[in-house]
Amino acid sequence: MLVLRKYLFTIVTLVDKIKAVCMVLNERLNLFAKQQIET
């Protein structure tokens, strides 16, 4: 049971990190797209 909880915690932490990275990439892409449209 303890092992399962540890796995779940690890997965949740990983998902949070991936979401954060995706958000950062999304913002970068949006900025890049705006620059492309302006030029």
PDB file of N, CA and C in Angstrom:
ATOM      1  N   MET A   1       0.829  -1.208   0.000  1.00  0.00           N
ATOM      2  CA  MET A   1       0.000   0.000   0.000  1.00  0.00           C
ATOM      3  C   MET A   1       0.869   1.266   0.000  1.00  0.00           C
ATOM      4  N   LEU A   2       1.925   1.226   0.829  1.00  0.00           N
ATOM      5  CA  LEU A   2       2.835   2.373   0.878  1.00  0.00           C
ATOM      6  C   LEU A   2       3.513   2.592  -0.468  1.00  0.00           C
ATOM      7  N   VAL A   3       3.912   1.486  -1.109  1.00  0.00           N
ATOM      8  CA  VAL A   3       4.583   1.580  -2.405  1.00  0.00           C
ATOM      9  C   VAL A   3       3.656   2.225  -3.428  1.00  0.00           C
ATOM     10  N   LEU A   4       2.390   1.820  -3.407  1.00  0.00           N
ATOM     11  CA  LEU A   4       1.408   2.358  -4.343  1.00  0.00           C
ATOM     12  C   LEU A   4       1.279   3.869  -4.164  1.00  0.00           C
ATOM     13  N   ARG A   5       1.229   4.297  -2.909  1.00  0.00           N
ATOM     14  CA  ARG A   5       1.101   5.722  -2.627  1.00  0.00           C
ATOM     15  C   ARG A   5       2.327   6.478  -3.138  1.00  0.00           C
ATOM     16  N   LYS A   6       3.493   5.854  -2.980  1.00  0.00           N
ATOM     17  CA  LYS A   6       4.742   6.463  -3.446  1.00  0.00           C
ATOM     18  C   LYS A   6       4.709   6.620  -4.968  1.00  0.00           C
ATOM     19  N   TYR A   7       4.238   5.564  -5.653  1.00  0.00           N
ATOM     20  CA  TYR A   7       4.142   5.620  -7.110  1.00  0.00           C
ATOM     21  C   TYR A   7       3.196   6.733  -7.546  1.00  0.00           C
ATOM     22  N   LEU A   8       2.026   6.792  -6.887  1.00  0.00           N
ATOM     23  CA  LEU A   8       1.039   7.818  -7.227  1.00  0.00           C
ATOM     24  C   LEU A   8       1.624   9.210  -7.047  1.00  0.00           C
ATOM     25  N   PHE A   9       2.326   9.418  -5.935  1.00  0.00           N
ATOM     26  CA  PHE A   9       2.931  10.720  -5.662  1.00  0.00           C
ATOM     27  C   PHE A   9       3.935  11.080  -6.750  1.00  0.00           C
ATOM     28  N   THR A  10       4.750  10.102  -7.146  1.00  0.00           N
ATOM     29  CA  THR A  10       5.751  10.333  -8.188  1.00  0.00           C
ATOM     30  C   THR A  10       5.085  10.696  -9.507  1.00  0.00           C
ATOM     31  N   ILE A  11       4.022   9.964  -9.848  1.00  0.00           N
ATOM     32  CA  ILE A  11       3.313  10.223 -11.106  1.00  0.00           C
ATOM     33  C   ILE A  11       2.700  11.619 -11.091  1.00  0.00           C
ATOM     34  N   VAL A  12       2.062  11.980  -9.976  1.00  0.00           N
ATOM     35  CA  VAL A  12       1.434  13.301  -9.868  1.00  0.00           C
ATOM     36  C   VAL A  12       2.484  14.400  -9.996  1.00  0.00           C
ATOM     37  N   THR A  13       3.632  14.198  -9.352  1.00  0.00           N
ATOM     38  CA  THR A  13       4.711  15.189  -9.429  1.00  0.00           C
ATOM     39  C   THR A  13       5.201  15.332 -10.865  1.00  0.00           C
ATOM     40  N   LEU A  14       5.366  14.201 -11.539  1.00  0.00           N
ATOM     41  CA  LEU A  14       5.817  14.223 -12.931  1.00  0.00           C
ATOM     42  C   LEU A  14       4.814  14.947 -13.817  1.00  0.00           C
ATOM     43  N   VAL A  15       3.532  14.648 -13.626  1.00  0.00           N
ATOM     44  CA  VAL A  15       2.481  15.286 -14.425  1.00  0.00           C
ATOM     45  C   VAL A  15       2.507  16.797 -14.212  1.00  0.00           C
ATOM     46  N   ASP A  16       2.674  17.211 -12.947  1.00  0.00           N
ATOM     47  CA  ASP A  16       2.741  18.645 -12.651  1.00  0.00           C
ATOM     48  C   ASP A  16       3.913  19.291 -13.381  1.00  0.00           C
ATOM     49  N   LYS A  17       5.066  18.626 -13.369  1.00  0.00           N
ATOM     50  CA  LYS A  17       6.251  19.168 -14.038  1.00  0.00           C
ATOM     51  C   LYS A  17       6.013  19.270 -15.540  1.00  0.00           C
ATOM     52  N   ILE A  18       5.403  18.234 -16.116  1.00  0.00           N
ATOM     53  CA  ILE A  18       5.133  18.227 -17.554  1.00  0.00           C
ATOM     54  C   ILE A  18       4.168  19.354 -17.913  1.00  0.00           C
ATOM     55  N   LYS A  19       3.138  19.543 -17.071  1.00  0.00           N
ATOM     56  CA  LYS A  19       2.174  20.623 -17.317  1.00  0.00           C
ATOM     57  C   LYS A  19       2.870  21.974 -17.291  1.00  0.00           C
ATOM     58  N   ALA A  20       3.773  22.157 -16.322  1.00  0.00           N
ATOM     59  CA  ALA A  20       4.497  23.427 -16.210  1.00  0.00           C
ATOM     60  C   ALA A  20       5.341  23.670 -17.460  1.00  0.00           C
ATOM     61  N   VAL A  21       6.033  22.632 -17.920  1.00  0.00           N
ATOM     62  CA  VAL A  21       6.863  22.749 -19.120  1.00  0.00           C
ATOM     63  C   VAL A  21       5.999  23.078 -20.333  1.00  0.00           C
ATOM     64  N   CYS A  22       4.846  22.425 -20.441  1.00  0.00           N
ATOM     65  CA  CYS A  22       3.937  22.669 -21.565  1.00  0.00           C
ATOM     66  C   CYS A  22       3.457  24.119 -21.567  1.00  0.00           C
ATOM     67  N   MET A  23       3.142  24.635 -20.366  1.00  0.00           N
ATOM     68  CA  MET A  23       2.680  26.017 -20.270  1.00  0.00           C
ATOM     69  C   MET A  23       3.760  26.982 -20.739  1.00  0.00           C
ATOM     70  N   VAL A  24       5.001  26.729 -20.314  1.00  0.00           N
ATOM     71  CA  VAL A  24       6.120  27.592 -20.710  1.00  0.00           C
ATOM     72  C   VAL A  24       6.318  27.530 -22.222  1.00  0.00           C
ATOM     73  N   LEU A  25       6.285  26.324 -22.771  1.00  0.00           N
ATOM     74  CA  LEU A  25       6.460  26.162 -24.218  1.00  0.00           C
ATOM     75  C   LEU A  25       5.338  26.862 -24.973  1.00  0.00           C
ATOM     76  N   ASN A  26       4.119  26.751 -24.454  1.00  0.00           N
ATOM     77  CA  ASN A  26       2.963  27.382 -25.077  1.00  0.00           C
ATOM     78  C   ASN A  26       3.146  28.893 -25.134  1.00  0.00           C
ATOM     79  N   GLU A  27       3.606  29.483 -24.019  1.00  0.00           N
ATOM     80  CA  GLU A  27       3.831  30.928 -23.981  1.00  0.00           C
ATOM     81  C   GLU A  27       4.898  31.329 -24.988  1.00  0.00           C
ATOM     82  N   ARG A  28       5.977  30.537 -25.062  1.00  0.00           N
ATOM     83  CA  ARG A  28       7.061  30.830 -26.011  1.00  0.00           C
ATOM     84  C   ARG A  28       6.527  30.784 -27.445  1.00  0.00           C
ATOM     85  N   LEU A  29       5.712  29.758 -27.731  1.00  0.00           N
ATOM     86  CA  LEU A  29       5.163  29.609 -29.077  1.00  0.00           C
ATOM     87  C   LEU A  29       4.248  30.775 -29.420  1.00  0.00           C
ATOM     88  N   ASN A  30       3.434  31.196 -28.444  1.00  0.00           N
ATOM     89  CA  ASN A  30       2.530  32.323 -28.678  1.00  0.00           C
ATOM     90  C   ASN A  30       3.318  33.591 -28.987  1.00  0.00           C
ATOM     91  N   LEU A  31       4.383  33.833 -28.222  1.00  0.00           N
ATOM     92  CA  LEU A  31       5.229  35.008 -28.461  1.00  0.00           C
ATOM     93  C   LEU A  31       5.858  34.927 -29.848  1.00  0.00           C
ATOM     94  N   PHE A  32       6.357  33.731 -30.195  1.00  0.00           N
ATOM     95  CA  PHE A  32       6.983  33.521 -31.496  1.00  0.00           C
ATOM     96  C   PHE A  32       5.980  33.780 -32.622  1.00  0.00           C
ATOM     97  N   ALA A  33       4.761  33.280 -32.464  1.00  0.00           N
ATOM     98  CA  ALA A  33       3.718  33.463 -33.472  1.00  0.00           C
ATOM     99  C   ALA A  33       3.391  34.943 -33.640  1.00  0.00           C
ATOM    100  N   LYS A  34       3.301  35.669 -32.532  1.00  0.00           N
ATOM    101  CA  LYS A  34       3.009  37.103 -32.608  1.00  0.00           C
ATOM    102  C   LYS A  34       4.109  37.832 -33.362  1.00  0.00           C
ATOM    103  N   GLN A  35       5.365  37.473 -33.090  1.00  0.00           N
ATOM    104  CA  GLN A  35       6.486  38.107 -33.778  1.00  0.00           C
ATOM    105  C   GLN A  35       6.421  37.815 -35.278  1.00  0.00           C
ATOM    106  N   GLN A  36       6.061  36.584 -35.633  1.00  0.00           N
ATOM    107  CA  GLN A  36       5.979  36.201 -37.045  1.00  0.00           C
ATOM    108  C   GLN A  36       4.889  36.996 -37.753  1.00  0.00           C
ATOM    109  N   ILE A  37       3.751  37.197 -37.072  1.00  0.00           N
ATOM    110  CA  ILE A  37       2.633  37.927 -37.678  1.00  0.00           C
ATOM    111  C   ILE A  37       3.005  39.394 -37.886  1.00  0.00           C
ATOM    112  N   GLU A  38       3.710  39.974 -36.913  1.00  0.00           N
ATOM    113  CA  GLU A  38       4.069  41.391 -36.986  1.00  0.00           C
ATOM    114  C   GLU A  38       5.021  41.686 -38.137  1.00  0.00           C
ATOM    115  N   THR A  39       5.961  40.791 -38.413  1.00  0.00           N
ATOM    116  CA  THR A  39       6.956  41.057 -39.456  1.00  0.00           C
ATOM    117  C   THR A  39       6.403  40.806 -40.841  1.00  0.00           C
TER     118      THR A  39
END
